[in-house]
Structure formats: C-alpha cells, structure tokens
Amino acid sequence: MDINKHIGKVILAAAGPGDPDLITIRAVRYLQKADVVLTDRLVSNEILDRYVNKLAKIICVGKQYNAEGSISQSDINVMLLQYALEGNLVVRLKGGDVSIFSNILDELQILADNNIPYEIIPGVTAALGAAAYAGIPLTARGYSTSVRFLTYYKSDIVTDEYWKELANTNDTLVFYMSSSTLDKVVAKLIENNIAPGKLLAVVEQTTTPLQNVRVMNLYEYENKFKGERFVSPSLVIIGKVVSLHEKFSWLASIETKENYFKAVNGNTDAITKIISEIGKDLFFPFSEAKTGE
C-alpha cells in the first residue's frame, strides 16, 4: 500500500438503528462518494446495497459480545489511518448514533494524533428508534421528565448506591447492550424496591422487519423470563412510560429467533491479510496505548 502525499478524510457516520430509511441524507452523500467503507455488524445490508459507491471497498469490521471473529479496535484504527494516508475518502459506518456507546473515542484519538481530517455525522440512536417504533415516549407528562442511557455488561460498573438511585428515580431507564445481564438488572432493581407500577420492555431488533416488543412487570420477570435469550440487538426500557406501549403501539411485533443482522462472520483472516499489507508501509508514529481496545 502506498502513502499518498494528499491525505484523505475519515467520515465517522451513523447508520441508524436498523431501518435503512433512518440514515441521514448527509451520511448517504458521503457513502455515495466513498473509496473505503469500514462497517459495523449492526448496519443494514440494504444501506450498503442502496447507497455505497459501487467502486468502494467495503470491509466488515464488526464486533459481537462473546463471539469469535470480532475485529479488534486496534486493527480498525490502523485501517482508518492507513486508508486515509493513501488519500482515500473513508467512511466509518456505525450502527445507531456515533456518539452513544460506540467506542468513538479511540478512533477520534488516533485520527487527531495523526492530523487526519475527519467529520462526525450523527444519527438515530437505538433508544430513540425503539421508543418511536414501539410507541413508548421516553418522556411524557405525568410519567417521566427525564431519561437515562445506561449499560450493564459487567457487575462492577454500577455501584450499590447507584442501583438504589435507579430503583427510586422517576427517570426512564434505557439499557443498551444489557439483555444478556437482564436477570441481574431486574434482581438489583427489585432488591432496591423499585415501584411495581414501573414496567419493563425488551425491544428486540428495533426498527427492523423483525422487531419484537415484550412488556412485563419486573416482579413477574423471574417466573416468566429469567434465563431468556433475547435476540441481538435488544434494548431494555424501564419505567412508567412503558405502560403507554399498549395504547400507542403501531408496529406489529414479530415473534422470531431469526436474526436481521448477520453474526460476525469470522472475517479475521481477511482483516489479518489487510493489516499485514498495511504493516509493510506503517512507518508513521502513533501511540499504542491509544489504539488498544
């Protein structure tokens, strides 16, 4: 791979939560001009088929919790850097919004440290897509005036004191990347006496043709849903506003275990080959500490 005297540009763009019609016009314009697209797993194939420049190189760099074949963040950083240094217009396409639980900081750091021009294009985050497509306003007069975006993928990221606050707040709670730990989330909230009037919704594969909304009382969860494996991606909404789903739901749920988004495909051999080729020319300085996962 050759280093071009003309440095390209990296576009950190959001694809939205699933429905290909929810991507922004600005993101589409860049995809139509892109030389290279590095795409997440949670990006609709329809977006890639409809909007990406037919001459562009598309590289799948998806990650999936506890799945073999996920691409490391350090490899993604190297590819962003190298393709930009070759003079390419590179689109880093992320599911949902680029700034909400998207690991954007590592990528911004490597680009800024190496003086690579970049642009950030926002999008519809999964919480807003799920709220709209499930008919659950996240804030509503008489129900909730605030909302919190949270994640709970390991036990040490939420303190006992904060669990008590979460159980007693009137804020709507939205948990990203937490369906596999939902048993623990519910147990902690019940342990801290969350009000019985607050309901829980799990929105599987939101805004896709396979969206499924499952609403339940937290105190019935253990008997009905404990140990359930929800389809990825799933978003969890907890609060009084969940009761509005019954009245305002407008999209029929599809009860299925079929996946709208493909699992990571073990693309690591192809990525290793790309990184190996890049390594022949990789003479520019960057901090290893800032490229790790």
C-alpha atoms as a PDB file:
ATOM      1  CA  MET A   1       0.000   0.000   0.000  1.00  0.00           C
ATOM      2  CA  ASP A   2       1.321   3.413  -0.951  1.00  0.00           C
ATOM      3  CA  ILE A   3       1.334   6.510   1.195  1.00  0.00           C
ATOM      4  CA  ASN A   4      -0.195   9.375  -0.772  1.00  0.00           C
ATOM      5  CA  LYS A   5       1.128  12.904  -0.373  1.00  0.00           C
ATOM      6  CA  HIS A   6      -2.507  14.011  -0.354  1.00  0.00           C
ATOM      7  CA  ILE A   7      -4.093  12.920   2.908  1.00  0.00           C
ATOM      8  CA  GLY A   8      -7.680  11.768   2.641  1.00  0.00           C
ATOM      9  CA  LYS A   9     -10.505  12.205   5.112  1.00  0.00           C
ATOM     10  CA  VAL A  10     -12.405   9.982   7.535  1.00  0.00           C
ATOM     11  CA  ILE A  11     -16.156  10.311   7.995  1.00  0.00           C
ATOM     12  CA  LEU A  12     -17.473   8.878  11.256  1.00  0.00           C
ATOM     13  CA  ALA A  13     -21.083   8.336  10.209  1.00  0.00           C
ATOM     14  CA  ALA A  14     -24.164   6.882  11.862  1.00  0.00           C
ATOM     15  CA  ALA A  15     -26.334   4.343  10.054  1.00  0.00           C
ATOM     16  CA  GLY A  16     -29.263   4.447  12.492  1.00  0.00           C
ATOM     17  CA  PRO A  17     -30.750   1.520  14.443  1.00  0.00           C
ATOM     18  CA  GLY A  18     -31.802  -0.783  11.607  1.00  0.00           C
ATOM     19  CA  ASP A  19     -34.407   0.644   9.243  1.00  0.00           C
ATOM     20  CA  PRO A  20     -32.349   1.783   6.203  1.00  0.00           C
ATOM     21  CA  ASP A  21     -34.678   4.747   5.727  1.00  0.00           C
ATOM     22  CA  LEU A  22     -33.477   6.243   9.020  1.00  0.00           C
ATOM     23  CA  ILE A  23     -29.952   7.037   7.826  1.00  0.00           C
ATOM     24  CA  THR A  24     -29.313  10.748   7.283  1.00  0.00           C
ATOM     25  CA  ILE A  25     -29.035  12.370   3.871  1.00  0.00           C
ATOM     26  CA  ARG A  26     -25.555  13.658   4.761  1.00  0.00           C
ATOM     27  CA  ALA A  27     -24.312  10.150   5.564  1.00  0.00           C
ATOM     28  CA  VAL A  28     -25.741   8.854   2.282  1.00  0.00           C
ATOM     29  CA  ARG A  29     -23.963  11.583   0.307  1.00  0.00           C
ATOM     30  CA  TYR A  30     -20.632  10.517   1.745  1.00  0.00           C
ATOM     31  CA  LEU A  31     -21.330   6.818   1.154  1.00  0.00           C
ATOM     32  CA  GLN A  32     -22.011   7.616  -2.492  1.00  0.00           C
ATOM     33  CA  LYS A  33     -18.545   9.194  -2.783  1.00  0.00           C
ATOM     34  CA  ALA A  34     -16.594   6.859  -0.501  1.00  0.00           C
ATOM     35  CA  ASP A  35     -13.468   4.990  -1.582  1.00  0.00           C
ATOM     36  CA  VAL A  36     -13.460   2.744   1.506  1.00  0.00           C
ATOM     37  CA  VAL A  37     -16.260   1.854   3.937  1.00  0.00           C
ATOM     38  CA  LEU A  38     -15.480   0.204   7.273  1.00  0.00           C
ATOM     39  CA  THR A  39     -18.847  -1.017   8.506  1.00  0.00           C
ATOM     40  CA  ASP A  40     -20.131  -2.318  11.829  1.00  0.00           C
ATOM     41  CA  ARG A  41     -22.173  -5.523  12.197  1.00  0.00           C
ATOM     42  CA  LEU A  42     -25.316  -3.599  13.194  1.00  0.00           C
ATOM     43  CA  VAL A  43     -25.679  -1.834   9.856  1.00  0.00           C
ATOM     44  CA  SER A  44     -28.449  -2.935   7.499  1.00  0.00           C
ATOM     45  CA  ASN A  45     -27.217  -4.662   4.340  1.00  0.00           C
ATOM     46  CA  GLU A  46     -29.813  -2.585   2.499  1.00  0.00           C
ATOM     47  CA  ILE A  47     -27.835   0.553   3.337  1.00  0.00           C
ATOM     48  CA  LEU A  48     -24.686  -0.953   1.846  1.00  0.00           C
ATOM     49  CA  ASP A  49     -26.547  -2.173  -1.248  1.00  0.00           C
ATOM     50  CA  ARG A  50     -28.515   1.033  -1.825  1.00  0.00           C
ATOM     51  CA  TYR A  51     -26.121   3.813  -1.029  1.00  0.00           C
ATOM     52  CA  VAL A  52     -22.446   2.829  -1.152  1.00  0.00           C
ATOM     53  CA  ASN A  53     -20.365   3.801  -4.174  1.00  0.00           C
ATOM     54  CA  LYS A  54     -20.216   0.680  -6.376  1.00  0.00           C
ATOM     55  CA  LEU A  55     -16.439   1.087  -6.724  1.00  0.00           C
ATOM     56  CA  ALA A  56     -15.825   1.391  -2.985  1.00  0.00           C
ATOM     57  CA  LYS A  57     -14.026  -1.229  -0.944  1.00  0.00           C
ATOM     58  CA  ILE A  58     -16.375  -2.442   1.819  1.00  0.00           C
ATOM     59  CA  ILE A  59     -14.716  -4.025   4.856  1.00  0.00           C
ATOM     60  CA  CYS A  60     -16.816  -5.554   7.644  1.00  0.00           C
ATOM     61  CA  VAL A  61     -15.217  -4.758  10.993  1.00  0.00           C
ATOM     62  CA  GLY A  62     -17.998  -5.915  13.285  1.00  0.00           C
ATOM     63  CA  LYS A  63     -17.789  -6.816  16.931  1.00  0.00           C
ATOM     64  CA  GLN A  64     -20.159  -9.077  18.844  1.00  0.00           C
ATOM     65  CA  TYR A  65     -20.159  -9.829  22.553  1.00  0.00           C
ATOM     66  CA  ASN A  66     -18.610 -13.219  23.357  1.00  0.00           C
ATOM     67  CA  ALA A  67     -18.331 -14.107  19.667  1.00  0.00           C
ATOM     68  CA  GLU A  68     -15.300 -15.366  17.797  1.00  0.00           C
ATOM     69  CA  GLY A  69     -14.380 -13.398  14.707  1.00  0.00           C
ATOM     70  CA  SER A  70     -14.840  -9.942  16.203  1.00  0.00           C
ATOM     71  CA  ILE A  71     -12.378  -7.389  14.834  1.00  0.00           C
ATOM     72  CA  SER A  72     -10.134  -5.655  17.342  1.00  0.00           C
ATOM     73  CA  GLN A  73     -10.323  -1.909  17.810  1.00  0.00           C
ATOM     74  CA  SER A  74      -6.578  -1.607  17.218  1.00  0.00           C
ATOM     75  CA  ASP A  75      -6.971  -3.201  13.760  1.00  0.00           C
ATOM     76  CA  ILE A  76      -9.809  -0.815  12.936  1.00  0.00           C
ATOM     77  CA  ASN A  77      -7.656   2.126  13.991  1.00  0.00           C
ATOM     78  CA  VAL A  78      -4.789   1.015  11.753  1.00  0.00           C
ATOM     79  CA  MET A  79      -7.082   0.638   8.738  1.00  0.00           C
ATOM     80  CA  LEU A  80      -8.686   4.040   9.266  1.00  0.00           C
ATOM     81  CA  LEU A  81      -5.275   5.634   9.436  1.00  0.00           C
ATOM     82  CA  GLN A  82      -3.680   3.843   6.525  1.00  0.00           C
ATOM     83  CA  TYR A  83      -6.538   4.243   4.061  1.00  0.00           C
ATOM     84  CA  ALA A  84      -6.755   7.958   4.879  1.00  0.00           C
ATOM     85  CA  LEU A  85      -2.992   8.364   4.417  1.00  0.00           C
ATOM     86  CA  GLU A  86      -3.369   6.842   0.960  1.00  0.00           C
ATOM     87  CA  GLY A  87      -5.651   9.749   0.064  1.00  0.00           C
ATOM     88  CA  ASN A  88      -8.972   7.922   0.304  1.00  0.00           C
ATOM     89  CA  LEU A  89     -12.335   9.165   1.482  1.00  0.00           C
ATOM     90  CA  VAL A  90     -13.021   6.667   4.267  1.00  0.00           C
ATOM     91  CA  VAL A  91     -16.460   6.231   5.834  1.00  0.00           C
ATOM     92  CA  ARG A  92     -16.505   4.538   9.227  1.00  0.00           C
ATOM     93  CA  LEU A  93     -20.135   3.434   9.365  1.00  0.00           C
ATOM     94  CA  LYS A  94     -21.557   2.715  12.814  1.00  0.00           C
ATOM     95  CA  GLY A  95     -24.943   1.370  13.861  1.00  0.00           C
ATOM     96  CA  GLY A  96     -27.228   3.722  15.781  1.00  0.00           C
ATOM     97  CA  ASP A  97     -25.579   7.034  16.602  1.00  0.00           C
ATOM     98  CA  VAL A  98     -21.813   7.521  16.523  1.00  0.00           C
ATOM     99  CA  SER A  99     -21.574   9.067  19.994  1.00  0.00           C
ATOM    100  CA  ILE A 100     -23.697   6.700  22.106  1.00  0.00           C
ATOM    101  CA  PHE A 101     -21.863   3.546  23.309  1.00  0.00           C
ATOM    102  CA  SER A 102     -19.950   3.385  20.036  1.00  0.00           C
ATOM    103  CA  ASN A 103     -16.265   3.379  21.039  1.00  0.00           C
ATOM    104  CA  ILE A 104     -15.758   6.543  19.016  1.00  0.00           C
ATOM    105  CA  LEU A 105     -13.129   7.950  21.394  1.00  0.00           C
ATOM    106  CA  ASP A 106     -10.381   5.535  20.296  1.00  0.00           C
ATOM    107  CA  GLU A 107     -10.985   6.389  16.660  1.00  0.00           C
ATOM    108  CA  LEU A 108     -11.095  10.136  17.239  1.00  0.00           C
ATOM    109  CA  GLN A 109      -7.879   9.920  19.238  1.00  0.00           C
ATOM    110  CA  ILE A 110      -5.922   8.094  16.546  1.00  0.00           C
ATOM    111  CA  LEU A 111      -7.155  10.478  13.843  1.00  0.00           C
ATOM    112  CA  ALA A 112      -6.430  13.633  15.847  1.00  0.00           C
ATOM    113  CA  ASP A 113      -2.995  12.376  16.957  1.00  0.00           C
ATOM    114  CA  ASN A 114      -2.028  11.845  13.314  1.00  0.00           C
ATOM    115  CA  ASN A 115      -3.622  15.028  11.897  1.00  0.00           C
ATOM    116  CA  ILE A 116      -6.141  13.154   9.749  1.00  0.00           C
ATOM    117  CA  PRO A 117      -9.115  15.340   8.759  1.00  0.00           C
ATOM    118  CA  TYR A 118     -12.431  13.927   9.946  1.00  0.00           C
ATOM    119  CA  GLU A 119     -16.105  14.707  10.263  1.00  0.00           C
ATOM    120  CA  ILE A 120     -18.748  13.321  12.640  1.00  0.00           C
ATOM    121  CA  ILE A 121     -22.272  12.700  11.342  1.00  0.00           C
ATOM    122  CA  PRO A 122     -24.924  11.943  13.992  1.00  0.00           C
ATOM    123  CA  GLY A 123     -27.815   9.549  13.593  1.00  0.00           C
ATOM    124  CA  VAL A 124     -30.827   7.955  15.256  1.00  0.00           C
ATOM    125  CA  THR A 125     -29.620   6.094  18.317  1.00  0.00           C
ATOM    126  CA  ALA A 126     -31.239   2.763  19.210  1.00  0.00           C
ATOM    127  CA  ALA A 127     -33.086   4.220  22.217  1.00  0.00           C
ATOM    128  CA  LEU A 128     -34.905   6.764  20.071  1.00  0.00           C
ATOM    129  CA  GLY A 129     -35.618   4.251  17.327  1.00  0.00           C
ATOM    130  CA  ALA A 130     -37.015   1.761  19.838  1.00  0.00           C
ATOM    131  CA  ALA A 131     -39.095   4.396  21.588  1.00  0.00           C
ATOM    132  CA  ALA A 132     -40.682   5.539  18.335  1.00  0.00           C
ATOM    133  CA  TYR A 133     -41.225   2.128  16.728  1.00  0.00           C
ATOM    134  CA  ALA A 134     -42.573   0.625  19.966  1.00  0.00           C
ATOM    135  CA  GLY A 135     -44.876   3.557  20.770  1.00  0.00           C
ATOM    136  CA  ILE A 136     -43.122   4.284  24.077  1.00  0.00           C
ATOM    137  CA  PRO A 137     -42.364   8.006  24.542  1.00  0.00           C
ATOM    138  CA  LEU A 138     -39.260   8.154  26.739  1.00  0.00           C
ATOM    139  CA  THR A 139     -40.524  11.296  28.464  1.00  0.00           C
ATOM    140  CA  ALA A 140     -44.202  12.146  28.912  1.00  0.00           C
ATOM    141  CA  ARG A 141     -46.143  14.481  31.175  1.00  0.00           C
ATOM    142  CA  GLY A 142     -47.252  12.617  34.278  1.00  0.00           C
ATOM    143  CA  TYR A 143     -44.935   9.689  33.579  1.00  0.00           C
ATOM    144  CA  SER A 144     -41.314  10.854  33.325  1.00  0.00           C
ATOM    145  CA  THR A 145     -39.488  14.128  32.697  1.00  0.00           C
ATOM    146  CA  SER A 146     -36.004  12.659  32.231  1.00  0.00           C
ATOM    147  CA  VAL A 147     -34.311   9.676  30.628  1.00  0.00           C
ATOM    148  CA  ARG A 148     -31.026   7.915  31.361  1.00  0.00           C
ATOM    149  CA  PHE A 149     -28.988   5.947  28.823  1.00  0.00           C
ATOM    150  CA  LEU A 150     -27.129   3.146  30.601  1.00  0.00           C
ATOM    151  CA  THR A 151     -25.288  -0.106  30.007  1.00  0.00           C
ATOM    152  CA  TYR A 152     -24.658  -3.049  32.284  1.00  0.00           C
ATOM    153  CA  TYR A 153     -22.368  -5.606  30.722  1.00  0.00           C
ATOM    154  CA  LYS A 154     -20.328  -6.397  33.840  1.00  0.00           C
ATOM    155  CA  SER A 155     -21.060  -6.238  37.546  1.00  0.00           C
ATOM    156  CA  ASP A 156     -18.531  -3.649  38.653  1.00  0.00           C
ATOM    157  CA  ILE A 157     -19.741  -0.727  36.545  1.00  0.00           C
ATOM    158  CA  VAL A 158     -22.767   0.086  38.748  1.00  0.00           C
ATOM    159  CA  THR A 159     -22.332   0.646  42.480  1.00  0.00           C
ATOM    160  CA  ASP A 160     -24.843  -0.485  45.115  1.00  0.00           C
ATOM    161  CA  GLU A 161     -25.619   3.154  45.857  1.00  0.00           C
ATOM    162  CA  TYR A 162     -26.403   3.839  42.220  1.00  0.00           C
ATOM    163  CA  TRP A 163     -28.691   0.793  41.995  1.00  0.00           C
ATOM    164  CA  LYS A 164     -30.673   2.303  44.873  1.00  0.00           C
ATOM    165  CA  GLU A 165     -30.928   5.583  42.968  1.00  0.00           C
ATOM    166  CA  LEU A 166     -32.001   3.833  39.766  1.00  0.00           C
ATOM    167  CA  ALA A 167     -34.719   1.906  41.597  1.00  0.00           C
ATOM    168  CA  ASN A 168     -36.162   5.049  43.151  1.00  0.00           C
ATOM    169  CA  THR A 169     -35.895   7.578  40.333  1.00  0.00           C
ATOM    170  CA  ASN A 170     -38.848   8.543  38.143  1.00  0.00           C
ATOM    171  CA  ASP A 171     -36.492   8.819  35.170  1.00  0.00           C
ATOM    172  CA  THR A 172     -36.982   6.397  32.297  1.00  0.00           C
ATOM    173  CA  LEU A 173     -34.079   3.923  32.241  1.00  0.00           C
ATOM    174  CA  VAL A 174     -32.766   2.689  28.900  1.00  0.00           C
ATOM    175  CA  PHE A 175     -30.193  -0.084  28.970  1.00  0.00           C
ATOM    176  CA  TYR A 176     -28.006  -0.710  25.934  1.00  0.00           C
ATOM    177  CA  MET A 177     -26.073  -3.981  25.470  1.00  0.00           C
ATOM    178  CA  SER A 178     -27.622  -5.429  28.614  1.00  0.00           C
ATOM    179  CA  SER A 179     -30.033  -8.156  27.512  1.00  0.00           C
ATOM    180  CA  SER A 180     -27.579 -10.894  28.497  1.00  0.00           C
ATOM    181  CA  THR A 181     -27.327  -9.433  32.016  1.00  0.00           C
ATOM    182  CA  LEU A 182     -31.011  -8.552  32.347  1.00  0.00           C
ATOM    183  CA  ASP A 183     -31.611 -11.138  35.079  1.00  0.00           C
ATOM    184  CA  LYS A 184     -29.125  -9.255  37.268  1.00  0.00           C
ATOM    185  CA  VAL A 185     -30.539  -5.832  36.333  1.00  0.00           C
ATOM    186  CA  VAL A 186     -34.060  -6.865  37.378  1.00  0.00           C
ATOM    187  CA  ALA A 187     -32.815  -8.548  40.546  1.00  0.00           C
ATOM    188  CA  LYS A 188     -30.908  -5.437  41.594  1.00  0.00           C
ATOM    189  CA  LEU A 189     -33.867  -3.130  40.978  1.00  0.00           C
ATOM    190  CA  ILE A 190     -36.246  -5.399  42.920  1.00  0.00           C
ATOM    191  CA  GLU A 191     -33.690  -5.715  45.710  1.00  0.00           C
ATOM    192  CA  ASN A 192     -33.861  -1.927  45.973  1.00  0.00           C
ATOM    193  CA  ASN A 193     -37.679  -1.880  45.978  1.00  0.00           C
ATOM    194  CA  ILE A 194     -38.469  -0.470  42.558  1.00  0.00           C
ATOM    195  CA  ALA A 195     -42.155   0.534  42.379  1.00  0.00           C
ATOM    196  CA  PRO A 196     -44.481  -2.195  40.987  1.00  0.00           C
ATOM    197  CA  GLY A 197     -46.050   0.362  38.644  1.00  0.00           C
ATOM    198  CA  LYS A 198     -42.863   0.593  36.588  1.00  0.00           C
ATOM    199  CA  LEU A 199     -42.829  -1.852  33.699  1.00  0.00           C
ATOM    200  CA  LEU A 200     -40.032  -3.327  31.621  1.00  0.00           C
ATOM    201  CA  ALA A 201     -39.905  -3.598  27.830  1.00  0.00           C
ATOM    202  CA  VAL A 202     -37.369  -5.571  25.840  1.00  0.00           C
ATOM    203  CA  VAL A 203     -37.274  -4.370  22.233  1.00  0.00           C
ATOM    204  CA  GLU A 204     -35.573  -6.934  20.042  1.00  0.00           C
ATOM    205  CA  GLN A 205     -34.102  -5.855  16.677  1.00  0.00           C
ATOM    206  CA  THR A 206     -35.742  -2.455  16.822  1.00  0.00           C
ATOM    207  CA  THR A 207     -36.885  -0.641  13.656  1.00  0.00           C
ATOM    208  CA  THR A 208     -36.284  -3.773  11.546  1.00  0.00           C
ATOM    209  CA  PRO A 209     -38.940  -6.009   9.954  1.00  0.00           C
ATOM    210  CA  LEU A 210     -38.245  -8.470  12.805  1.00  0.00           C
ATOM    211  CA  GLN A 211     -38.856  -6.067  15.696  1.00  0.00           C
ATOM    212  CA  ASN A 212     -40.416  -7.745  18.715  1.00  0.00           C
ATOM    213  CA  VAL A 213     -41.556  -5.868  21.845  1.00  0.00           C
ATOM    214  CA  ARG A 214     -42.031  -7.789  25.080  1.00  0.00           C
ATOM    215  CA  VAL A 215     -43.560  -5.933  28.018  1.00  0.00           C
ATOM    216  CA  MET A 216     -43.623  -7.276  31.548  1.00  0.00           C
ATOM    217  CA  ASN A 217     -43.906  -6.383  35.206  1.00  0.00           C
ATOM    218  CA  LEU A 218     -40.492  -6.531  36.861  1.00  0.00           C
ATOM    219  CA  TYR A 219     -41.893  -8.595  39.726  1.00  0.00           C
ATOM    220  CA  GLU A 220     -43.156 -11.221  37.259  1.00  0.00           C
ATOM    221  CA  TYR A 221     -39.914 -11.334  35.305  1.00  0.00           C
ATOM    222  CA  GLU A 222     -38.264 -14.126  37.294  1.00  0.00           C
ATOM    223  CA  ASN A 223     -41.133 -16.569  36.738  1.00  0.00           C
ATOM    224  CA  LYS A 224     -41.745 -15.728  33.091  1.00  0.00           C
ATOM    225  CA  PHE A 225     -38.490 -14.584  31.536  1.00  0.00           C
ATOM    226  CA  LYS A 226     -35.498 -15.369  33.738  1.00  0.00           C
ATOM    227  CA  GLY A 227     -32.788 -17.010  31.639  1.00  0.00           C
ATOM    228  CA  GLU A 228     -34.436 -15.952  28.360  1.00  0.00           C
ATOM    229  CA  ARG A 229     -32.016 -15.411  25.465  1.00  0.00           C
ATOM    230  CA  PHE A 230     -33.188 -12.297  23.666  1.00  0.00           C
ATOM    231  CA  VAL A 231     -32.277 -11.742  20.019  1.00  0.00           C
ATOM    232  CA  SER A 232     -29.372  -9.353  19.477  1.00  0.00           C
ATOM    233  CA  PRO A 233     -29.518  -6.427  19.433  1.00  0.00           C
ATOM    234  CA  SER A 234     -32.035  -5.881  22.213  1.00  0.00           C
ATOM    235  CA  LEU A 235     -32.764  -2.654  24.048  1.00  0.00           C
ATOM    236  CA  VAL A 236     -34.308  -2.523  27.522  1.00  0.00           C
ATOM    237  CA  ILE A 237     -36.674   0.269  28.635  1.00  0.00           C
ATOM    238  CA  ILE A 238     -37.797   0.507  32.269  1.00  0.00           C
ATOM    239  CA  GLY A 239     -40.259   2.988  33.738  1.00  0.00           C
ATOM    240  CA  LYS A 240     -43.848   4.172  33.893  1.00  0.00           C
ATOM    241  CA  VAL A 241     -43.765   5.173  30.220  1.00  0.00           C
ATOM    242  CA  VAL A 242     -43.636   1.506  29.182  1.00  0.00           C
ATOM    243  CA  SER A 243     -47.357   1.254  30.020  1.00  0.00           C
ATOM    244  CA  LEU A 244     -48.027   3.554  27.038  1.00  0.00           C
ATOM    245  CA  HIS A 245     -46.952   0.835  24.600  1.00  0.00           C
ATOM    246  CA  GLU A 246     -50.287  -0.952  24.791  1.00  0.00           C
ATOM    247  CA  LYS A 247     -52.179   2.134  23.627  1.00  0.00           C
ATOM    248  CA  PHE A 248     -49.698   3.677  21.198  1.00  0.00           C
ATOM    249  CA  SER A 249     -48.021   0.678  19.587  1.00  0.00           C
ATOM    250  CA  TRP A 250     -48.343   0.990  15.816  1.00  0.00           C
ATOM    251  CA  LEU A 251     -45.974  -1.701  14.501  1.00  0.00           C
ATOM    252  CA  ALA A 252     -46.869  -5.361  14.918  1.00  0.00           C
ATOM    253  CA  SER A 253     -44.333  -7.464  16.797  1.00  0.00           C
ATOM    254  CA  ILE A 254     -42.771 -10.469  15.091  1.00  0.00           C
ATOM    255  CA  GLU A 255     -42.018 -13.357  17.431  1.00  0.00           C
ATOM    256  CA  THR A 256     -38.943 -14.959  15.904  1.00  0.00           C
ATOM    257  CA  LYS A 257     -35.403 -16.008  16.687  1.00  0.00           C
ATOM    258  CA  GLU A 258     -34.301 -15.122  13.154  1.00  0.00           C
ATOM    259  CA  ASN A 259     -31.507 -12.542  13.019  1.00  0.00           C
ATOM    260  CA  TYR A 260     -31.891  -9.409  10.898  1.00  0.00           C
ATOM    261  CA  PHE A 261     -28.216  -8.581  11.347  1.00  0.00           C
ATOM    262  CA  LYS A 262     -25.677 -11.228  10.419  1.00  0.00           C
ATOM    263  CA  ALA A 263     -23.421 -12.552  13.154  1.00  0.00           C
ATOM    264  CA  VAL A 264     -19.740 -11.676  12.882  1.00  0.00           C
ATOM    265  CA  ASN A 265     -18.555 -13.834  10.015  1.00  0.00           C
ATOM    266  CA  GLY A 266     -15.075 -14.841  11.032  1.00  0.00           C
ATOM    267  CA  ASN A 267     -13.615 -12.248   8.666  1.00  0.00           C
ATOM    268  CA  THR A 268     -10.435 -12.181  10.729  1.00  0.00           C
ATOM    269  CA  ASP A 269      -8.252 -13.905   8.116  1.00  0.00           C
ATOM    270  CA  ALA A 270      -9.109 -11.267   5.528  1.00  0.00           C
ATOM    271  CA  ILE A 271      -8.502  -8.490   8.058  1.00  0.00           C
ATOM    272  CA  THR A 272      -5.184 -10.055   9.073  1.00  0.00           C
ATOM    273  CA  LYS A 273      -4.100 -10.026   5.422  1.00  0.00           C
ATOM    274  CA  ILE A 274      -5.062  -6.361   5.077  1.00  0.00           C
ATOM    275  CA  ILE A 275      -3.211  -5.439   8.260  1.00  0.00           C
ATOM    276  CA  SER A 276      -0.189  -7.439   7.108  1.00  0.00           C
ATOM    277  CA  GLU A 277      -0.083  -5.494   3.843  1.00  0.00           C
ATOM    278  CA  ILE A 278      -0.509  -2.232   5.724  1.00  0.00           C
ATOM    279  CA  GLY A 279       2.329  -3.171   8.061  1.00  0.00           C
ATOM    280  CA  LYS A 280       4.818  -3.026   5.190  1.00  0.00           C
ATOM    281  CA  ASP A 281       4.306   0.731   4.940  1.00  0.00           C
ATOM    282  CA  LEU A 282       3.359   1.537   8.511  1.00  0.00           C
ATOM    283  CA  PHE A 283       6.107   3.981   9.387  1.00  0.00           C
ATOM    284  CA  PHE A 284       4.041   6.850  10.782  1.00  0.00           C
ATOM    285  CA  PRO A 285       4.039   7.413  14.547  1.00  0.00           C
ATOM    286  CA  PHE A 286       1.082   6.611  16.728  1.00  0.00           C
ATOM    287  CA  SER A 287       0.661   5.720  20.382  1.00  0.00           C
ATOM    288  CA  GLU A 288      -0.001   2.036  21.048  1.00  0.00           C
ATOM    289  CA  ALA A 289      -1.637   2.994  24.316  1.00  0.00           C
ATOM    290  CA  LYS A 290      -4.275   4.890  22.381  1.00  0.00           C
ATOM    291  CA  THR A 291      -5.033   2.180  19.835  1.00  0.00           C
ATOM    292  CA  GLY A 292      -5.893  -0.651  22.195  1.00  0.00           C
ATOM    293  CA  GLU A 293      -9.401  -1.909  22.826  1.00  0.00           C
END
